[in-house]
C-alpha atoms as a PDB file:
ATOM      1  CA  MET A   1     -37.479  -9.305  40.040  1.00  0.00           C
ATOM      2  CA  ALA A   2     -35.467 -12.003  40.666  1.00  0.00           C
ATOM      3  CA  LYS A   3     -36.261 -15.262  42.588  1.00  0.00           C
ATOM      4  CA  ASP A   4     -34.529 -16.368  45.512  1.00  0.00           C
ATOM      5  CA  LEU A   5     -31.814 -18.692  44.785  1.00  0.00           C
ATOM      6  CA  SER A   6     -31.793 -20.973  47.822  1.00  0.00           C
ATOM      7  CA  PRO A   7     -29.943 -23.992  46.778  1.00  0.00           C
ATOM      8  CA  SER A   8     -26.236 -23.336  46.494  1.00  0.00           C
ATOM      9  CA  ILE A   9     -26.257 -25.052  43.012  1.00  0.00           C
ATOM     10  CA  ASP A  10     -28.892 -22.935  41.814  1.00  0.00           C
ATOM     11  CA  LYS A  11     -26.379 -19.924  42.575  1.00  0.00           C
ATOM     12  CA  VAL A  12     -23.778 -21.859  41.060  1.00  0.00           C
ATOM     13  CA  ASN A  13     -25.212 -22.495  37.706  1.00  0.00           C
ATOM     14  CA  TYR A  14     -26.545 -19.144  37.707  1.00  0.00           C
ATOM     15  CA  SER A  15     -23.144 -17.647  38.062  1.00  0.00           C
ATOM     16  CA  ARG A  16     -21.349 -20.092  35.621  1.00  0.00           C
ATOM     17  CA  TRP A  17     -24.087 -19.402  32.810  1.00  0.00           C
ATOM     18  CA  THR A  18     -24.468 -15.673  33.334  1.00  0.00           C
ATOM     19  CA  ASN A  19     -20.532 -15.615  33.039  1.00  0.00           C
ATOM     20  CA  LYS A  20     -20.421 -18.040  30.060  1.00  0.00           C
ATOM     21  CA  ALA A  21     -23.286 -15.625  28.141  1.00  0.00           C
ATOM     22  CA  LYS A  22     -21.182 -12.604  29.236  1.00  0.00           C
ATOM     23  CA  ASN A  23     -17.974 -14.092  27.772  1.00  0.00           C
ATOM     24  CA  ALA A  24     -20.306 -15.001  24.892  1.00  0.00           C
ATOM     25  CA  LYS A  25     -21.220 -11.796  23.929  1.00  0.00           C
ATOM     26  CA  ASN A  26     -17.875  -9.794  24.598  1.00  0.00           C
ATOM     27  CA  ASP A  27     -16.472 -12.599  21.970  1.00  0.00           C
ATOM     28  CA  ILE A  28     -18.839 -11.438  19.359  1.00  0.00           C
ATOM     29  CA  ALA A  29     -18.159  -7.879  19.983  1.00  0.00           C
ATOM     30  CA  ARG A  30     -14.134  -8.637  19.386  1.00  0.00           C
ATOM     31  CA  ALA A  31     -14.433 -10.777  16.745  1.00  0.00           C
ATOM     32  CA  PHE A  32     -16.779  -8.368  14.862  1.00  0.00           C
ATOM     33  CA  LEU A  33     -14.269  -5.807  15.434  1.00  0.00           C
ATOM     34  CA  GLU A  34     -11.824  -7.926  14.127  1.00  0.00           C
ATOM     35  CA  PHE A  35     -13.636  -8.853  10.715  1.00  0.00           C
ATOM     36  CA  ALA A  36     -14.389  -5.450  10.158  1.00  0.00           C
ATOM     37  CA  SER A  37     -10.384  -4.841  10.936  1.00  0.00           C
ATOM     38  CA  ILE A  38      -9.725  -7.458   8.023  1.00  0.00           C
ATOM     39  CA  LEU A  39     -12.299  -6.268   5.779  1.00  0.00           C
ATOM     40  CA  LYS A  40     -10.769  -2.813   5.539  1.00  0.00           C
ATOM     41  CA  GLN A  41      -7.212  -4.274   5.436  1.00  0.00           C
ATOM     42  CA  ILE A  42      -8.644  -6.259   2.184  1.00  0.00           C
ATOM     43  CA  LYS A  43     -10.102  -3.344   0.681  1.00  0.00           C
ATOM     44  CA  ASP A  44      -7.545  -0.898   1.240  1.00  0.00           C
ATOM     45  CA  ASN A  45      -4.829  -2.703   0.189  1.00  0.00           C
ATOM     46  CA  GLY A  46      -6.496  -4.626  -2.639  1.00  0.00           C
ATOM     47  CA  TYR A  47      -6.394  -8.284  -1.774  1.00  0.00           C
ATOM     48  CA  TYR A  48      -9.329  -9.248  -3.488  1.00  0.00           C
ATOM     49  CA  ASP A  49      -7.626  -7.998  -7.015  1.00  0.00           C
ATOM     50  CA  TYR A  50      -6.111 -11.475  -7.385  1.00  0.00           C
ATOM     51  CA  LYS A  51      -9.831 -12.904  -8.399  1.00  0.00           C
ATOM     52  CA  PHE A  52     -12.144 -10.407  -8.567  1.00  0.00           C
ATOM     53  CA  ASP A  53     -11.985  -6.961 -10.298  1.00  0.00           C
ATOM     54  CA  ASN A  54     -13.222  -5.130  -7.081  1.00  0.00           C
ATOM     55  CA  PHE A  55     -14.190  -5.182  -3.446  1.00  0.00           C
ATOM     56  CA  LYS A  56     -18.080  -5.494  -4.186  1.00  0.00           C
ATOM     57  CA  GLU A  57     -17.706  -8.733  -6.162  1.00  0.00           C
ATOM     58  CA  TYR A  58     -15.225  -9.893  -3.656  1.00  0.00           C
ATOM     59  CA  CYS A  59     -17.972  -9.440  -0.723  1.00  0.00           C
ATOM     60  CA  GLU A  60     -20.515 -11.066  -2.479  1.00  0.00           C
ATOM     61  CA  SER A  61     -19.154 -13.932  -4.080  1.00  0.00           C
ATOM     62  CA  GLU A  62     -16.780 -15.019  -1.737  1.00  0.00           C
ATOM     63  CA  LEU A  63     -17.763 -13.969   1.646  1.00  0.00           C
ATOM     64  CA  GLN A  64     -21.352 -13.998   0.705  1.00  0.00           C
ATOM     65  CA  ILE A  65     -22.365 -10.746   2.710  1.00  0.00           C
ATOM     66  CA  ALA A  66     -24.217  -8.041   1.000  1.00  0.00           C
ATOM     67  CA  TRP A  67     -21.329  -5.159  -0.219  1.00  0.00           C
ATOM     68  CA  GLN A  68     -22.966  -2.336   1.689  1.00  0.00           C
ATOM     69  CA  THR A  69     -22.709  -4.567   4.555  1.00  0.00           C
ATOM     70  CA  ALA A  70     -19.057  -5.037   3.807  1.00  0.00           C
ATOM     71  CA  TYR A  71     -18.906  -0.970   3.537  1.00  0.00           C
ATOM     72  CA  ASP A  72     -20.521  -0.277   6.688  1.00  0.00           C
ATOM     73  CA  TYR A  73     -18.084  -2.496   8.644  1.00  0.00           C
ATOM     74  CA  VAL A  74     -15.115  -0.786   7.114  1.00  0.00           C
ATOM     75  CA  LYS A  75     -16.536   2.564   7.775  1.00  0.00           C
ATOM     76  CA  ILE A  76     -16.758   1.206  11.454  1.00  0.00           C
ATOM     77  CA  ALA A  77     -13.131  -0.245  11.354  1.00  0.00           C
ATOM     78  CA  ASP A  78     -12.236   3.614  10.156  1.00  0.00           C
ATOM     79  CA  PHE A  79     -13.953   5.247  12.720  1.00  0.00           C
ATOM     80  CA  VAL A  80     -12.191   3.104  15.619  1.00  0.00           C
ATOM     81  CA  PHE A  81      -9.201   3.570  13.488  1.00  0.00           C
ATOM     82  CA  GLU A  82      -9.291   7.186  13.677  1.00  0.00           C
ATOM     83  CA  ASN A  83     -10.621   7.329  17.311  1.00  0.00           C
ATOM     84  CA  LYS A  84      -8.488   4.981  19.086  1.00  0.00           C
ATOM     85  CA  GLN A  85      -7.132   7.888  21.150  1.00  0.00           C
ATOM     86  CA  THR A  86     -10.601   7.958  22.861  1.00  0.00           C
ATOM     87  CA  LEU A  87     -12.394   4.634  21.784  1.00  0.00           C
ATOM     88  CA  ASN A  88     -10.526   1.918  22.747  1.00  0.00           C
ATOM     89  CA  LEU A  89     -11.495  -1.580  21.183  1.00  0.00           C
ATOM     90  CA  GLU A  90     -12.889  -2.426  24.427  1.00  0.00           C
ATOM     91  CA  LYS A  91     -15.426   0.534  24.617  1.00  0.00           C
ATOM     92  CA  ALA A  92     -15.970  -0.015  20.576  1.00  0.00           C
ATOM     93  CA  GLY A  93     -17.371  -3.657  21.596  1.00  0.00           C
ATOM     94  CA  LEU A  94     -19.426  -2.362  24.255  1.00  0.00           C
ATOM     95  CA  LEU A  95     -20.828   0.125  21.829  1.00  0.00           C
ATOM     96  CA  GLY A  96     -21.819  -2.348  19.202  1.00  0.00           C
ATOM     97  CA  HIS A  97     -22.570  -2.731  15.683  1.00  0.00           C
ATOM     98  CA  LYS A  98     -25.650  -0.338  14.956  1.00  0.00           C
ATOM     99  CA  LYS A  99     -24.183   2.405  17.848  1.00  0.00           C
ATOM    100  CA  LEU A 100     -20.390   2.250  15.886  1.00  0.00           C
ATOM    101  CA  LYS A 101     -22.385   2.536  12.563  1.00  0.00           C
ATOM    102  CA  LEU A 102     -24.714   5.540  13.280  1.00  0.00           C
ATOM    103  CA  LEU A 103     -21.477   7.357  14.786  1.00  0.00           C
ATOM    104  CA  ALA A 104     -19.436   6.414  12.351  1.00  0.00           C
ATOM    105  CA  GLN A 105     -22.487   7.954   9.786  1.00  0.00           C
ATOM    106  CA  LYS A 106     -22.559  11.203  11.447  1.00  0.00           C
ATOM    107  CA  LEU A 107     -18.886  12.025  12.209  1.00  0.00           C
ATOM    108  CA  SER A 108     -17.821  11.147   9.072  1.00  0.00           C
END
């Protein structure tokens, strides 16, 4: 149960910080999808081969992320791109990483 916010300053602070939190959450979702898309482009176009023999080495050495995680992100980017008619970026962002990963695995 929400407590009564009697002073107006409390209401303003509540609204301000709640909006900041919601905006930050949306920024994280957008950044995640952008990162997934960038990884897909790097992998698909072989941009890693300037310095590395394969995408796995690139991810682990250059980006310091597990190659399995990178491939999950690439699969998610593929899924979002293939379903862009019904799943726009905003909707995809709202679903989040875990749900998109499950959808990508189940529907591929």
